[in-house]
Protein backbone atom coordinates (compact mmCIF):
# COMPACT_ATOMS: atom_id res chain seq x y z
CA MET A 1 -28.35 11.30 -38.60
CA ASN A 2 -26.82 11.38 -35.01
CA ASN A 3 -23.27 13.06 -35.24
CA LEU A 4 -21.80 12.51 -31.34
CA LYS A 5 -18.93 10.60 -31.60
CA LEU A 6 -19.53 7.89 -29.24
CA PHE A 7 -23.06 7.54 -29.96
CA GLY A 8 -24.56 4.05 -29.35
CA GLN A 9 -21.49 3.13 -27.51
CA VAL A 10 -21.36 1.72 -23.71
CA ALA A 11 -19.14 2.81 -21.55
CA VAL A 12 -17.69 2.03 -17.75
CA VAL A 13 -16.10 4.09 -15.51
CA THR A 14 -14.89 3.09 -12.20
CA GLY A 15 -14.66 5.49 -9.25
CA GLY A 16 -16.95 7.62 -11.80
CA SER A 17 -18.84 9.36 -9.09
CA SER A 18 -15.77 12.31 -8.21
CA GLY A 19 -12.42 13.69 -10.04
CA ILE A 20 -11.00 12.15 -13.05
CA GLY A 21 -13.94 9.36 -12.90
CA ALA A 22 -17.11 11.58 -12.72
CA ALA A 23 -15.77 14.45 -15.66
CA CYS A 24 -14.95 11.22 -17.74
CA VAL A 25 -18.48 10.30 -17.14
CA LYS A 26 -19.45 13.73 -18.04
CA LEU A 27 -17.71 13.98 -21.53
CA LEU A 28 -18.50 10.12 -22.24
CA ALA A 29 -21.90 10.83 -22.37
CA ASN A 30 -21.65 14.35 -24.05
CA GLU A 31 -20.35 12.13 -26.77
CA GLY A 32 -23.18 10.22 -27.02
CA ALA A 33 -22.07 6.82 -24.91
CA THR A 34 -24.50 5.32 -22.11
CA VAL A 35 -22.59 5.75 -19.41
CA VAL A 36 -22.25 3.03 -16.51
CA ILE A 37 -20.82 5.08 -13.36
CA GLY A 38 -18.92 2.68 -10.84
CA TYR A 39 -18.67 3.97 -7.05
CA TYR A 40 -17.58 2.48 -3.74
CA ARG A 41 -18.23 5.20 -1.31
CA GLY A 42 -20.12 7.76 -3.57
CA GLU A 43 -23.20 6.47 -4.09
CA GLU A 44 -24.92 9.62 -3.20
CA ARG A 45 -22.66 11.66 -6.08
CA ALA A 46 -22.77 8.58 -8.43
CA HIS A 47 -26.81 8.87 -8.77
CA ALA A 48 -26.24 12.76 -8.47
CA LEU A 49 -24.32 12.89 -11.81
CA LEU A 50 -26.50 10.37 -13.25
CA ARG A 51 -29.18 12.63 -12.98
CA GLU A 52 -27.32 15.43 -14.70
CA LEU A 53 -26.38 13.18 -17.30
CA PRO A 54 -27.58 13.88 -21.52
CA GLY A 55 -29.18 10.83 -23.07
CA SER A 56 -30.82 7.72 -21.18
CA GLY A 57 -30.04 4.62 -20.19
CA HIS A 58 -26.90 4.92 -17.53
CA LEU A 59 -26.58 3.16 -15.05
CA ALA A 60 -24.98 3.78 -11.03
CA VAL A 61 -23.15 0.63 -9.84
CA CYS A 62 -20.97 -0.01 -6.84
CA ILE A 63 -18.04 -1.97 -7.96
CA PRO A 64 -15.60 -2.17 -4.89
CA LEU A 65 -12.27 -2.72 -6.31
CA GLU A 66 -11.22 -5.81 -4.44
CA ASP A 67 -14.34 -7.31 -4.55
CA GLU A 68 -13.98 -10.07 -7.46
CA ALA A 69 -17.84 -11.04 -6.95
CA SER A 70 -18.95 -8.15 -7.54
CA HIS A 71 -17.00 -7.76 -11.24
CA SER A 72 -18.54 -10.97 -12.22
CA ALA A 73 -21.68 -9.92 -11.23
CA LEU A 74 -21.14 -6.70 -13.13
CA PHE A 75 -20.19 -8.94 -16.02
CA ARG A 76 -23.70 -10.88 -15.96
CA GLN A 77 -25.30 -7.54 -15.53
CA LEU A 78 -24.54 -5.70 -18.39
CA LYS A 79 -24.41 -9.08 -20.47
CA GLU A 80 -28.16 -8.82 -19.69
CA ALA A 81 -28.74 -5.56 -20.29
CA VAL A 82 -26.47 -4.11 -23.19
CA GLY A 83 -24.89 -7.47 -24.63
CA ASP A 84 -21.02 -6.02 -24.88
CA LEU A 85 -19.04 -3.16 -24.15
CA ASP A 86 -16.80 -0.64 -26.18
CA ILE A 87 -15.36 1.25 -23.33
CA LEU A 88 -13.48 0.73 -20.04
CA VAL A 89 -12.32 3.54 -17.99
CA ASN A 90 -10.33 2.05 -14.95
CA SER A 91 -10.34 5.14 -12.90
CA ALA A 92 -11.17 4.18 -9.25
CA GLY A 93 -7.77 3.65 -6.71
CA TYR A 94 -6.99 4.97 -3.64
CA THR A 95 -3.57 6.74 -1.67
CA GLN A 96 -2.52 8.51 1.10
CA ARG A 97 0.67 10.55 1.70
CA ILE A 98 3.31 8.52 3.15
CA PRO A 99 7.18 10.06 3.12
CA HIS A 100 8.96 7.75 1.53
CA ALA A 101 12.10 7.70 3.80
CA ASP A 102 9.34 6.76 6.43
CA LEU A 103 9.10 2.41 6.20
CA ASP A 104 7.52 2.40 9.47
CA ALA A 105 4.79 4.41 8.51
CA LEU A 106 4.32 1.79 5.07
CA PRO A 107 4.24 -1.86 6.90
CA PRO A 108 4.37 -4.52 4.32
CA ALA A 109 0.40 -5.15 4.64
CA MET A 110 -0.11 -1.55 3.66
CA PHE A 111 1.85 -1.92 0.75
CA ASN A 112 -0.01 -5.13 -0.36
CA SER A 113 -3.32 -3.70 -0.04
CA ILE A 114 -2.65 -0.37 -1.85
CA LEU A 115 -0.73 -2.52 -4.65
CA ALA A 116 -3.77 -4.86 -4.66
CA ALA A 117 -6.46 -1.89 -4.79
CA ASN A 118 -5.02 0.26 -7.49
CA ALA A 119 -3.24 -2.75 -9.77
CA GLY A 120 -4.93 -5.96 -9.08
CA GLY A 121 -8.48 -4.12 -9.24
CA PRO A 122 -8.20 -3.18 -12.01
CA TYR A 123 -6.72 -6.22 -13.55
CA SER A 124 -10.15 -8.07 -12.16
CA ILE A 125 -12.27 -5.95 -13.44
CA THR A 126 -10.92 -6.20 -16.79
CA ARG A 127 -10.33 -10.05 -16.56
CA ALA A 128 -14.22 -9.97 -15.55
CA LEU A 129 -15.60 -7.53 -18.74
CA LEU A 130 -13.13 -8.77 -21.27
CA PRO A 131 -15.46 -10.77 -23.15
CA LEU A 132 -17.93 -8.01 -23.77
CA LEU A 133 -15.07 -5.71 -24.57
CA GLN A 134 -14.13 -8.84 -27.17
CA ALA A 135 -17.72 -8.95 -28.48
CA SER A 136 -17.75 -5.37 -29.46
CA GLY A 137 -14.76 -5.76 -32.07
CA ARG A 138 -14.11 -1.99 -31.08
CA GLY A 139 -12.83 -2.77 -27.42
CA LEU A 140 -11.06 0.16 -25.49
CA VAL A 141 -9.56 0.03 -21.64
CA VAL A 142 -8.08 3.25 -20.51
CA ASN A 143 -6.08 2.69 -17.49
CA VAL A 144 -5.92 6.16 -15.42
CA SER A 145 -2.36 6.12 -14.20
CA THR A 146 -0.07 8.67 -13.27
CA VAL A 147 3.78 10.09 -14.08
CA SER A 148 4.40 9.11 -10.31
CA ALA A 149 4.82 5.63 -12.24
CA ILE A 150 8.04 6.49 -14.36
CA THR A 151 9.23 9.15 -11.91
CA GLY A 152 8.68 7.36 -8.41
CA LEU A 153 7.77 10.69 -7.18
CA GLY A 154 4.57 10.41 -5.34
CA SER A 155 2.11 10.29 -2.44
CA ASN A 156 3.66 6.57 -1.07
CA ILE A 157 6.00 4.47 -2.39
CA ALA A 158 3.34 1.40 -2.90
CA TYR A 159 1.24 3.92 -4.97
CA CYS A 160 4.13 4.34 -7.32
CA ALA A 161 4.81 1.13 -7.55
CA ALA A 162 1.17 -0.16 -8.50
CA LYS A 163 0.64 2.34 -11.09
CA ALA A 164 3.94 0.86 -12.89
CA ALA A 165 2.65 -2.05 -12.31
CA LEU A 166 -0.36 -0.75 -14.10
CA ASP A 167 1.59 0.68 -16.63
CA THR A 168 3.42 -2.60 -17.37
CA MET A 169 0.24 -4.59 -17.04
CA THR A 170 -1.69 -2.45 -19.94
CA LEU A 171 1.22 -3.18 -22.19
CA SER A 172 1.08 -7.09 -21.67
CA LEU A 173 -2.75 -6.80 -22.35
CA ALA A 174 -2.54 -4.94 -25.50
CA ARG A 175 -0.25 -7.46 -26.76
CA ALA A 176 -2.29 -10.41 -25.88
CA PHE A 177 -5.70 -9.05 -26.69
CA GLY A 178 -5.12 -6.80 -29.98
CA PRO A 179 -6.80 -6.35 -32.30
CA SER A 180 -10.19 -6.89 -30.61
CA VAL A 181 -9.03 -4.88 -27.76
CA ARG A 182 -6.83 -1.61 -27.43
CA PHE A 183 -5.57 -0.99 -23.99
CA VAL A 184 -3.94 2.44 -23.52
CA CYS A 185 -2.26 4.44 -19.86
CA VAL A 186 -3.52 8.32 -19.12
CA SER A 187 -1.00 9.41 -17.52
CA PRO A 188 -1.20 12.76 -15.41
CA ALA A 189 0.57 15.01 -12.88
CA ALA A 190 -1.31 16.00 -9.88
CA VAL A 191 -4.26 16.57 -10.78
CA ASP A 192 -6.73 19.38 -8.76
CA THR A 193 -9.15 17.14 -7.26
CA GLY A 194 -9.67 15.92 -3.36
CA PHE A 195 -7.72 12.80 -4.07
CA VAL A 196 -4.52 12.61 -2.03
CA GLU A 197 -5.61 13.91 1.41
CA GLY A 198 -4.08 16.87 2.55
CA ARG A 199 -2.42 18.40 -1.00
CA SER A 200 -3.89 21.92 -0.92
CA ARG A 201 -4.05 24.02 -4.00
CA SER A 202 -0.87 26.40 -2.96
CA GLU A 203 1.19 22.91 -3.05
CA LEU A 204 -0.07 22.07 -6.25
CA GLU A 205 0.45 25.49 -7.90
CA LYS A 206 3.95 25.36 -6.65
CA LYS A 207 4.25 22.35 -8.45
CA ALA A 208 2.85 23.63 -11.35
CA ALA A 209 4.67 26.58 -11.87
CA GLN A 210 8.16 24.41 -11.96
CA THR A 211 6.68 22.91 -15.35
CA PRO A 212 7.31 24.47 -18.85
CA LEU A 213 3.11 24.84 -19.13
CA GLY A 214 3.11 26.77 -15.80
CA ARG A 215 -0.42 25.19 -15.16
CA ILE A 216 -2.14 22.29 -12.66
CA VAL A 217 -3.35 19.51 -14.85
CA THR A 218 -7.03 19.45 -14.40
CA ALA A 219 -9.94 16.46 -14.20
CA GLU A 220 -11.12 17.88 -17.60
CA ASP A 221 -7.82 17.69 -19.19
CA VAL A 222 -7.17 14.22 -17.86
CA ALA A 223 -11.05 13.51 -18.82
CA LEU A 224 -10.08 14.74 -22.67
CA ALA A 225 -7.35 12.43 -22.94
CA VAL A 226 -9.62 9.65 -22.12
CA VAL A 227 -12.35 10.39 -24.25
CA GLY A 228 -9.39 11.19 -27.28
CA CYS A 229 -8.64 7.47 -27.17
CA ALA A 230 -11.59 6.44 -28.45
CA THR A 231 -12.75 9.25 -30.58
CA HIS A 232 -9.36 10.11 -32.54
CA LEU A 233 -6.47 7.94 -31.28
CA THR A 234 -7.70 5.23 -32.78
CA THR A 235 -4.48 3.31 -33.59
CA ALA A 236 -3.05 3.50 -30.07
CA THR A 237 -2.39 0.72 -28.40
CA GLY A 238 -0.10 -0.90 -25.66
CA THR A 239 1.35 3.26 -25.12
CA ARG A 240 1.13 6.04 -22.36
CA ILE A 241 -0.52 9.09 -23.05
CA VAL A 242 1.29 11.58 -20.65
CA ILE A 243 -0.27 15.13 -19.69
CA ASP A 244 2.26 16.85 -16.86
CA GLY A 245 2.58 20.16 -18.15
CA GLY A 246 5.96 19.12 -18.76
CA HIS A 247 6.25 18.00 -15.35
CA ARG A 248 9.12 15.20 -16.11
CA LEU A 249 11.39 17.55 -18.28
């Protein structure tokens, strides 16, 4: 008998070639899941990660956030290959540092692009794959959000707004599609990855020192929370799991 908690389950992780997404891919595979690594520009990273994973049947697939046709194609590919889907982790996104008071540096077109990628992209992917998640009977969608959705303090105003939209969308979907599919947000503070260009290690350390726990949130911390939603927090839906070291306090 296999004792791995996610043995026989299938998971899709968008943004799975680096950072939080890659940490999720590793932990999901270590718990026995067959993992689809979604990437955009990180094809080489995705295939390198693929070779490291235990088990078999893992895939690396290009999943652009704003390409609805690719989301429909992924649905068809998964339906033919595996039949259903147990876990979707929406980890992909993008941002850039723009001072909140500098509205000239955040024109409406850029605002809308950031919103479309970070909220519209997860919606489109979830919408496309929802029939497979429903077929599983134990479907779970984990949206990787941020405490910036709560505090309004983040890399730029549009990113904060997009993640707030993602949080609210998670509530709505949880209400609409239970009990067959659960929806949860995992909301870290600043994470020790290269996601925000120009953010230094010393900046992260300074922010962490001001929190009650006094330590930086890592990609592995976030991944543990994501996997925990599948393995242990099985009655959680429509809620937010905050892992910020007390950043908001």
